[in-house]
PDB file of N, CA and C in Angstrom:
ATOM      1  N   MET A   1      25.404  -5.259   1.349  1.00  0.00           N
ATOM      2  CA  MET A   1      25.044  -4.109   0.548  1.00  0.00           C
ATOM      3  C   MET A   1      25.452  -2.860   1.328  1.00  0.00           C
ATOM      4  N   GLY A   2      26.276  -2.035   0.705  1.00  0.00           N
ATOM      5  CA  GLY A   2      26.751  -0.825   1.358  1.00  0.00           C
ATOM      6  C   GLY A   2      25.836   0.354   1.100  1.00  0.00           C
ATOM      7  N   THR A   3      25.945   1.357   1.938  1.00  0.00           N
ATOM      8  CA  THR A   3      25.176   2.582   1.795  1.00  0.00           C
ATOM      9  C   THR A   3      26.135   3.759   1.762  1.00  0.00           C
ATOM     10  N   TRP A   4      25.937   4.653   0.816  1.00  0.00           N
ATOM     11  CA  TRP A   4      26.809   5.797   0.620  1.00  0.00           C
ATOM     12  C   TRP A   4      25.972   7.068   0.569  1.00  0.00           C
ATOM     13  N   ALA A   5      26.392   8.104   1.285  1.00  0.00           N
ATOM     14  CA  ALA A   5      25.772   9.416   1.130  1.00  0.00           C
ATOM     15  C   ALA A   5      26.193   9.960  -0.235  1.00  0.00           C
ATOM     16  N   VAL A   6      25.342  10.757  -0.851  1.00  0.00           N
ATOM     17  CA  VAL A   6      25.627  11.236  -2.195  1.00  0.00           C
ATOM     18  C   VAL A   6      26.949  12.016  -2.245  1.00  0.00           C
ATOM     19  N   GLN A   7      27.264  12.763  -1.189  1.00  0.00           N
ATOM     20  CA  GLN A   7      28.525  13.511  -1.171  1.00  0.00           C
ATOM     21  C   GLN A   7      29.716  12.549  -1.208  1.00  0.00           C
ATOM     22  N   ASP A   8      29.641  11.468  -0.420  1.00  0.00           N
ATOM     23  CA  ASP A   8      30.718  10.475  -0.405  1.00  0.00           C
ATOM     24  C   ASP A   8      30.804   9.736  -1.745  1.00  0.00           C
ATOM     25  N   ALA A   9      29.647   9.431  -2.320  1.00  0.00           N
ATOM     26  CA  ALA A   9      29.615   8.725  -3.599  1.00  0.00           C
ATOM     27  C   ALA A   9      30.272   9.568  -4.691  1.00  0.00           C
ATOM     28  N   LYS A  10      30.006  10.879  -4.670  1.00  0.00           N
ATOM     29  CA  LYS A  10      30.613  11.769  -5.661  1.00  0.00           C
ATOM     30  C   LYS A  10      32.118  11.886  -5.444  1.00  0.00           C
ATOM     31  N   ALA A  11      32.518  12.046  -4.199  1.00  0.00           N
ATOM     32  CA  ALA A  11      33.931  12.253  -3.896  1.00  0.00           C
ATOM     33  C   ALA A  11      34.761  10.992  -4.095  1.00  0.00           C
ATOM     34  N   ARG A  12      34.137   9.819  -3.881  1.00  0.00           N
ATOM     35  CA  ARG A  12      34.882   8.563  -3.937  1.00  0.00           C
ATOM     36  C   ARG A  12      34.227   7.586  -4.908  1.00  0.00           C
ATOM     37  N   PHE A  13      33.912   8.065  -6.107  1.00  0.00           N
ATOM     38  CA  PHE A  13      33.195   7.227  -7.065  1.00  0.00           C
ATOM     39  C   PHE A  13      33.946   5.949  -7.409  1.00  0.00           C
ATOM     40  N   SER A  14      35.264   6.025  -7.542  1.00  0.00           N
ATOM     41  CA  SER A  14      36.046   4.826  -7.859  1.00  0.00           C
ATOM     42  C   SER A  14      35.885   3.766  -6.776  1.00  0.00           C
ATOM     43  N   ALA A  15      35.876   4.193  -5.525  1.00  0.00           N
ATOM     44  CA  ALA A  15      35.687   3.258  -4.417  1.00  0.00           C
ATOM     45  C   ALA A  15      34.267   2.689  -4.428  1.00  0.00           C
ATOM     46  N   LEU A  16      33.287   3.526  -4.759  1.00  0.00           N
ATOM     47  CA  LEU A  16      31.897   3.065  -4.865  1.00  0.00           C
ATOM     48  C   LEU A  16      31.778   2.010  -5.960  1.00  0.00           C
ATOM     49  N   LEU A  17      32.400   2.261  -7.105  1.00  0.00           N
ATOM     50  CA  LEU A  17      32.371   1.311  -8.213  1.00  0.00           C
ATOM     51  C   LEU A  17      33.039  -0.009  -7.827  1.00  0.00           C
ATOM     52  N   GLU A  18      34.195   0.058  -7.194  1.00  0.00           N
ATOM     53  CA  GLU A  18      34.895  -1.161  -6.756  1.00  0.00           C
ATOM     54  C   GLU A  18      34.050  -1.945  -5.753  1.00  0.00           C
ATOM     55  N   ALA A  19      33.414  -1.246  -4.818  1.00  0.00           N
ATOM     56  CA  ALA A  19      32.566  -1.914  -3.833  1.00  0.00           C
ATOM     57  C   ALA A  19      31.390  -2.608  -4.522  1.00  0.00           C
ATOM     58  N   SER A  20      30.837  -1.963  -5.536  1.00  0.00           N
ATOM     59  CA  SER A  20      29.729  -2.563  -6.281  1.00  0.00           C
ATOM     60  C   SER A  20      30.175  -3.844  -6.977  1.00  0.00           C
ATOM     61  N   LEU A  21      31.370  -3.821  -7.567  1.00  0.00           N
ATOM     62  CA  LEU A  21      31.864  -4.991  -8.290  1.00  0.00           C
ATOM     63  C   LEU A  21      32.249  -6.132  -7.353  1.00  0.00           C
ATOM     64  N   LYS A  22      32.783  -5.806  -6.176  1.00  0.00           N
ATOM     65  CA  LYS A  22      33.257  -6.841  -5.250  1.00  0.00           C
ATOM     66  C   LYS A  22      32.192  -7.301  -4.259  1.00  0.00           C
ATOM     67  N   GLU A  23      31.374  -6.363  -3.756  1.00  0.00           N
ATOM     68  CA  GLU A  23      30.426  -6.678  -2.681  1.00  0.00           C
ATOM     69  C   GLU A  23      28.976  -6.766  -3.150  1.00  0.00           C
ATOM     70  N   GLY A  24      28.691  -6.277  -4.344  1.00  0.00           N
ATOM     71  CA  GLY A  24      27.320  -6.289  -4.830  1.00  0.00           C
ATOM     72  C   GLY A  24      26.725  -4.893  -4.820  1.00  0.00           C
ATOM     73  N   PRO A  25      25.407  -4.791  -4.974  1.00  0.00           N
ATOM     74  CA  PRO A  25      24.737  -3.493  -5.092  1.00  0.00           C
ATOM     75  C   PRO A  25      25.079  -2.536  -3.941  1.00  0.00           C
ATOM     76  N   GLN A  26      25.235  -1.261  -4.301  1.00  0.00           N
ATOM     77  CA  GLN A  26      25.536  -0.213  -3.330  1.00  0.00           C
ATOM     78  C   GLN A  26      24.436   0.847  -3.410  1.00  0.00           C
ATOM     79  N   ILE A  27      23.873   1.207  -2.262  1.00  0.00           N
ATOM     80  CA  ILE A  27      22.791   2.190  -2.197  1.00  0.00           C
ATOM     81  C   ILE A  27      23.392   3.577  -1.996  1.00  0.00           C
ATOM     82  N   VAL A  28      22.871   4.551  -2.741  1.00  0.00           N
ATOM     83  CA  VAL A  28      23.270   5.942  -2.575  1.00  0.00           C
ATOM     84  C   VAL A  28      22.084   6.686  -1.966  1.00  0.00           C
ATOM     85  N   THR A  29      22.355   7.420  -0.872  1.00  0.00           N
ATOM     86  CA  THR A  29      21.280   8.158  -0.193  1.00  0.00           C
ATOM     87  C   THR A  29      21.442   9.654  -0.417  1.00  0.00           C
ATOM     88  N   LYS A  30      20.315  10.331  -0.435  1.00  0.00           N
ATOM     89  CA  LYS A  30      20.299  11.784  -0.562  1.00  0.00           C
ATOM     90  C   LYS A  30      19.516  12.319   0.624  1.00  0.00           C
ATOM     91  N   ARG A  31      20.203  13.046   1.498  1.00  0.00           N
ATOM     92  CA  ARG A  31      19.614  13.565   2.733  1.00  0.00           C
ATOM     93  C   ARG A  31      19.021  12.447   3.579  1.00  0.00           C
ATOM     94  N   GLY A  32      19.720  11.311   3.594  1.00  0.00           N
ATOM     95  CA  GLY A  32      19.305  10.182   4.412  1.00  0.00           C
ATOM     96  C   GLY A  32      18.225   9.293   3.813  1.00  0.00           C
ATOM     97  N   ILE A  33      17.764   9.617   2.614  1.00  0.00           N
ATOM     98  CA  ILE A  33      16.709   8.836   1.954  1.00  0.00           C
ATOM     99  C   ILE A  33      17.329   8.089   0.781  1.00  0.00           C
ATOM    100  N   GLU A  34      17.046   6.783   0.672  1.00  0.00           N
ATOM    101  CA  GLU A  34      17.584   5.978  -0.422  1.00  0.00           C
ATOM    102  C   GLU A  34      17.141   6.566  -1.756  1.00  0.00           C
ATOM    103  N   ALA A  35      18.106   6.844  -2.631  1.00  0.00           N
ATOM    104  CA  ALA A  35      17.802   7.506  -3.899  1.00  0.00           C
ATOM    105  C   ALA A  35      18.161   6.664  -5.124  1.00  0.00           C
ATOM    106  N   ALA A  36      19.245   5.888  -5.039  1.00  0.00           N
ATOM    107  CA  ALA A  36      19.693   5.135  -6.211  1.00  0.00           C
ATOM    108  C   ALA A  36      20.501   3.925  -5.764  1.00  0.00           C
ATOM    109  N   VAL A  37      20.715   3.015  -6.713  1.00  0.00           N
ATOM    110  CA  VAL A  37      21.510   1.816  -6.446  1.00  0.00           C
ATOM    111  C   VAL A  37      22.491   1.635  -7.595  1.00  0.00           C
ATOM    112  N   LEU A  38      23.736   1.374  -7.264  1.00  0.00           N
ATOM    113  CA  LEU A  38      24.744   1.051  -8.269  1.00  0.00           C
ATOM    114  C   LEU A  38      24.942  -0.457  -8.241  1.00  0.00           C
ATOM    115  N   VAL A  39      24.668  -1.099  -9.384  1.00  0.00           N
ATOM    116  CA  VAL A  39      24.808  -2.555  -9.473  1.00  0.00           C
ATOM    117  C   VAL A  39      25.750  -2.898 -10.619  1.00  0.00           C
ATOM    118  N   PRO A  40      26.438  -4.038 -10.530  1.00  0.00           N
ATOM    119  CA  PRO A  40      27.272  -4.479 -11.657  1.00  0.00           C
ATOM    120  C   PRO A  40      26.402  -4.728 -12.889  1.00  0.00           C
ATOM    121  N   VAL A  41      26.950  -4.501 -14.063  1.00  0.00           N
ATOM    122  CA  VAL A  41      26.187  -4.616 -15.301  1.00  0.00           C
ATOM    123  C   VAL A  41      25.653  -6.035 -15.506  1.00  0.00           C
ATOM    124  N   VAL A  42      26.361  -7.048 -15.059  1.00  0.00           N
ATOM    125  CA  VAL A  42      25.882  -8.432 -15.206  1.00  0.00           C
ATOM    126  C   VAL A  42      24.569  -8.619 -14.438  1.00  0.00           C
ATOM    127  N   GLU A  43      24.533  -8.099 -13.238  1.00  0.00           N
ATOM    128  CA  GLU A  43      23.302  -8.217 -12.443  1.00  0.00           C
ATOM    129  C   GLU A  43      22.182  -7.382 -13.045  1.00  0.00           C
ATOM    130  N   TRP A  44      22.507  -6.194 -13.554  1.00  0.00           N
ATOM    131  CA  TRP A  44      21.496  -5.338 -14.190  1.00  0.00           C
ATOM    132  C   TRP A  44      20.860  -6.053 -15.382  1.00  0.00           C
ATOM    133  N   ARG A  45      21.678  -6.672 -16.219  1.00  0.00           N
ATOM    134  CA  ARG A  45      21.136  -7.394 -17.379  1.00  0.00           C
ATOM    135  C   ARG A  45      20.281  -8.576 -16.954  1.00  0.00           C
ATOM    136  N   ARG A  46      20.696  -9.270 -15.902  1.00  0.00           N
ATOM    137  CA  ARG A  46      19.900 -10.390 -15.397  1.00  0.00           C
ATOM    138  C   ARG A  46      18.539  -9.901 -14.905  1.00  0.00           C
ATOM    139  N   LEU A  47      18.526  -8.792 -14.195  1.00  0.00           N
ATOM    140  CA  LEU A  47      17.266  -8.227 -13.705  1.00  0.00           C
ATOM    141  C   LEU A  47      16.375  -7.779 -14.853  1.00  0.00           C
ATOM    142  N   GLN A  48      16.969  -7.162 -15.867  1.00  0.00           N
ATOM    143  CA  GLN A  48      16.204  -6.721 -17.022  1.00  0.00           C
ATOM    144  C   GLN A  48      15.581  -7.905 -17.750  1.00  0.00           C
ATOM    145  N   GLN A  49      16.357  -8.968 -17.911  1.00  0.00           N
ATOM    146  CA  GLN A  49      15.872 -10.149 -18.624  1.00  0.00           C
ATOM    147  C   GLN A  49      14.740 -10.831 -17.869  1.00  0.00           C
ATOM    148  N   SER A  50      14.859 -10.918 -16.547  1.00  0.00           N
ATOM    149  CA  SER A  50      13.826 -11.597 -15.759  1.00  0.00           C
ATOM    150  C   SER A  50      12.553 -10.782 -15.674  1.00  0.00           C
ATOM    151  N   ALA A  51      12.643  -9.469 -15.840  1.00  0.00           N
ATOM    152  CA  ALA A  51      11.458  -8.613 -15.754  1.00  0.00           C
ATOM    153  C   ALA A  51      10.694  -8.552 -17.072  1.00  0.00           C
ATOM    154  N   ARG A  52      11.314  -8.972 -18.169  1.00  0.00           N
ATOM    155  CA  ARG A  52      10.704  -8.869 -19.481  1.00  0.00           C
ATOM    156  C   ARG A  52      10.317 -10.251 -19.990  1.00  0.00           C
ATOM    157  N   PRO A  53       9.013 -10.573 -20.047  1.00  0.00           N
ATOM    158  CA  PRO A  53       8.614 -11.893 -20.537  1.00  0.00           C
ATOM    159  C   PRO A  53       8.801 -11.997 -22.052  1.00  0.00           C
ATOM    160  N   THR A  54       8.978 -13.210 -22.514  1.00  0.00           N
ATOM    161  CA  THR A  54       9.100 -13.448 -23.949  1.00  0.00           C
ATOM    162  C   THR A  54       7.708 -13.429 -24.581  1.00  0.00           C
ATOM    163  N   LEU A  55       7.655 -13.308 -25.889  1.00  0.00           N
ATOM    164  CA  LEU A  55       6.377 -13.329 -26.591  1.00  0.00           C
ATOM    165  C   LEU A  55       5.666 -14.650 -26.339  1.00  0.00           C
ATOM    166  N   LYS A  56       6.408 -15.739 -26.316  1.00  0.00           N
ATOM    167  CA  LYS A  56       5.829 -17.057 -26.065  1.00  0.00           C
ATOM    168  C   LYS A  56       5.167 -17.087 -24.689  1.00  0.00           C
ATOM    169  N   GLU A  57       5.837 -16.536 -23.679  1.00  0.00           N
ATOM    170  CA  GLU A  57       5.267 -16.510 -22.328  1.00  0.00           C
ATOM    171  C   GLU A  57       4.004 -15.654 -22.277  1.00  0.00           C
ATOM    172  N   LEU A  58       4.012 -14.530 -22.987  1.00  0.00           N
ATOM    173  CA  LEU A  58       2.828 -13.668 -23.019  1.00  0.00           C
ATOM    174  C   LEU A  58       1.635 -14.367 -23.667  1.00  0.00           C
ATOM    175  N   LEU A  59       1.888 -15.047 -24.784  1.00  0.00           N
ATOM    176  CA  LEU A  59       0.800 -15.718 -25.489  1.00  0.00           C
ATOM    177  C   LEU A  59       0.283 -16.934 -24.734  1.00  0.00           C
ATOM    178  N   ALA A  60       1.146 -17.609 -23.987  1.00  0.00           N
ATOM    179  CA  ALA A  60       0.750 -18.812 -23.261  1.00  0.00           C
ATOM    180  C   ALA A  60       0.156 -18.504 -21.884  1.00  0.00           C
ATOM    181  N   ALA A  61       0.215 -17.261 -21.445  1.00  0.00           N
ATOM    182  CA  ALA A  61      -0.271 -16.908 -20.112  1.00  0.00           C
ATOM    183  C   ALA A  61      -1.780 -17.108 -20.012  1.00  0.00           C
ATOM    184  N   ALA A  62      -2.223 -17.552 -18.850  1.00  0.00           N
ATOM    185  CA  ALA A  62      -3.645 -17.792 -18.622  1.00  0.00           C
ATOM    186  C   ALA A  62      -4.421 -16.489 -18.494  1.00  0.00           C
ATOM    187  N   ALA A  63      -3.804 -15.475 -17.932  1.00  0.00           N
ATOM    188  CA  ALA A  63      -4.493 -14.204 -17.715  1.00  0.00           C
ATOM    189  C   ALA A  63      -3.732 -13.085 -18.427  1.00  0.00           C
ATOM    190  N   PRO A  64      -4.439 -12.049 -18.843  1.00  0.00           N
ATOM    191  CA  PRO A  64      -3.743 -10.930 -19.468  1.00  0.00           C
ATOM    192  C   PRO A  64      -2.852 -10.217 -18.457  1.00  0.00           C
ATOM    193  N   ARG A  65      -1.739  -9.657 -18.932  1.00  0.00           N
ATOM    194  CA  ARG A  65      -0.800  -8.978 -18.037  1.00  0.00           C
ATOM    195  C   ARG A  65      -1.168  -7.519 -17.816  1.00  0.00           C
ATOM    196  N   GLY A  66      -2.080  -7.007 -18.571  1.00  0.00           N
ATOM    197  CA  GLY A  66      -2.463  -5.607 -18.406  1.00  0.00           C
ATOM    198  C   GLY A  66      -3.614  -5.264 -19.317  1.00  0.00           C
ATOM    199  N   GLU A  67      -4.225  -4.158 -19.048  1.00  0.00           N
ATOM    200  CA  GLU A  67      -5.340  -3.702 -19.862  1.00  0.00           C
ATOM    201  C   GLU A  67      -4.827  -2.724 -20.916  1.00  0.00           C
ATOM    202  N   ILE A  68      -5.365  -2.841 -22.094  1.00  0.00           N
ATOM    203  CA  ILE A  68      -5.035  -1.912 -23.166  1.00  0.00           C
ATOM    204  C   ILE A  68      -6.210  -0.959 -23.297  1.00  0.00           C
ATOM    205  N   PRO A  69      -5.992   0.329 -23.055  1.00  0.00           N
ATOM    206  CA  PRO A  69      -7.118   1.266 -23.161  1.00  0.00           C
ATOM    207  C   PRO A  69      -7.566   1.412 -24.614  1.00  0.00           C
ATOM    208  N   VAL A  70      -8.846   1.231 -24.837  1.00  0.00           N
ATOM    209  CA  VAL A  70      -9.412   1.356 -26.176  1.00  0.00           C
ATOM    210  C   VAL A  70     -10.403   2.514 -26.139  1.00  0.00           C
ATOM    211  N   PRO A  71     -10.164   3.594 -26.896  1.00  0.00           N
ATOM    212  CA  PRO A  71     -11.089   4.723 -26.870  1.00  0.00           C
ATOM    213  C   PRO A  71     -12.421   4.344 -27.515  1.00  0.00           C
ATOM    214  N   LYS A  72     -13.475   4.987 -27.054  1.00  0.00           N
ATOM    215  CA  LYS A  72     -14.791   4.726 -27.638  1.00  0.00           C
ATOM    216  C   LYS A  72     -14.822   5.303 -29.039  1.00  0.00           C
ATOM    217  N   ARG A  73     -15.428   4.560 -29.940  1.00  0.00           N
ATOM    218  CA  ARG A  73     -15.486   5.007 -31.329  1.00  0.00           C
ATOM    219  C   ARG A  73     -16.492   6.136 -31.467  1.00  0.00           C
ATOM    220  N   GLY A  74     -16.192   7.084 -32.325  1.00  0.00           N
ATOM    221  CA  GLY A  74     -17.095   8.189 -32.600  1.00  0.00           C
ATOM    222  C   GLY A  74     -17.025   9.312 -31.579  1.00  0.00           C
ATOM    223  N   ALA A  75     -16.194   9.170 -30.573  1.00  0.00           N
ATOM    224  CA  ALA A  75     -16.119  10.189 -29.535  1.00  0.00           C
ATOM    225  C   ALA A  75     -15.210  11.344 -29.931  1.00  0.00           C
ATOM    226  N   LEU A  76     -14.397  11.161 -30.938  1.00  0.00           N
ATOM    227  CA  LEU A  76     -13.465  12.200 -31.342  1.00  0.00           C
ATOM    228  C   LEU A  76     -14.115  13.149 -32.341  1.00  0.00           C
ATOM    229  N   ALA A  77     -13.730  14.410 -32.284  1.00  0.00           N
ATOM    230  CA  ALA A  77     -14.237  15.376 -33.255  1.00  0.00           C
ATOM    231  C   ALA A  77     -13.606  15.093 -34.609  1.00  0.00           C
ATOM    232  N   ARG A  78     -14.410  15.223 -35.638  1.00  0.00           N
ATOM    233  CA  ARG A  78     -13.907  14.967 -36.979  1.00  0.00           C
ATOM    234  C   ARG A  78     -14.022  16.225 -37.827  1.00  0.00           C
ATOM    235  N   ARG A  79     -13.068  16.349 -38.733  1.00  0.00           N
ATOM    236  CA  ARG A  79     -13.110  17.474 -39.661  1.00  0.00           C
ATOM    237  C   ARG A  79     -14.036  17.143 -40.826  1.00  0.00           C
ATOM    238  N   LYS A  80     -14.646  18.185 -41.336  1.00  0.00           N
ATOM    239  CA  LYS A  80     -15.480  17.989 -42.521  1.00  0.00           C
ATOM    240  C   LYS A  80     -14.559  17.858 -43.723  1.00  0.00           C
ATOM    241  N   PRO A  81     -14.897  16.994 -44.671  1.00  0.00           N
ATOM    242  CA  PRO A  81     -14.040  16.839 -45.849  1.00  0.00           C
ATOM    243  C   PRO A  81     -14.027  18.120 -46.672  1.00  0.00           C
ATOM    244  N   THR A  82     -12.886  18.432 -47.224  1.00  0.00           N
ATOM    245  CA  THR A  82     -12.771  19.609 -48.068  1.00  0.00           C
ATOM    246  C   THR A  82     -12.847  19.176 -49.521  1.00  0.00           C
ATOM    247  N   ARG A  83     -13.455  19.997 -50.326  1.00  0.00           N
ATOM    248  CA  ARG A  83     -13.558  19.681 -51.764  1.00  0.00           C
ATOM    249  C   ARG A  83     -12.316  20.120 -52.477  1.00  0.00           C
ATOM    250  N   VAL A  84     -11.819  19.271 -53.287  1.00  0.00           N
ATOM    251  CA  VAL A  84     -10.637  19.588 -54.077  1.00  0.00           C
ATOM    252  C   VAL A  84     -11.103  19.830 -55.519  1.00  0.00           C
ATOM    253  N   GLY A  85     -10.689  20.925 -56.072  1.00  0.00           N
ATOM    254  CA  GLY A  85     -10.978  21.146 -57.480  1.00  0.00           C
ATOM    255  C   GLY A  85     -11.891  22.192 -57.741  1.00  0.00           C
TER     256      GLY A  85
END
């Protein structure tokens, strides 16, 4: 995995892209701090697919994957009905 300063990445984007396709993910740093990664689209899609469970997996899971916030009923202000006519 290569590392590129943002100035070098901007100046030599074609080389950065080629390195990503041939060598794998390339890290771009900004002021010495890792800021972004350029990955081939095939790897990006694989990562996206593995991070997203199917509906079947969600329903078959033993434990919930997250909490859904449910507001308390009656806590919201309500408008008074207006008479029509």
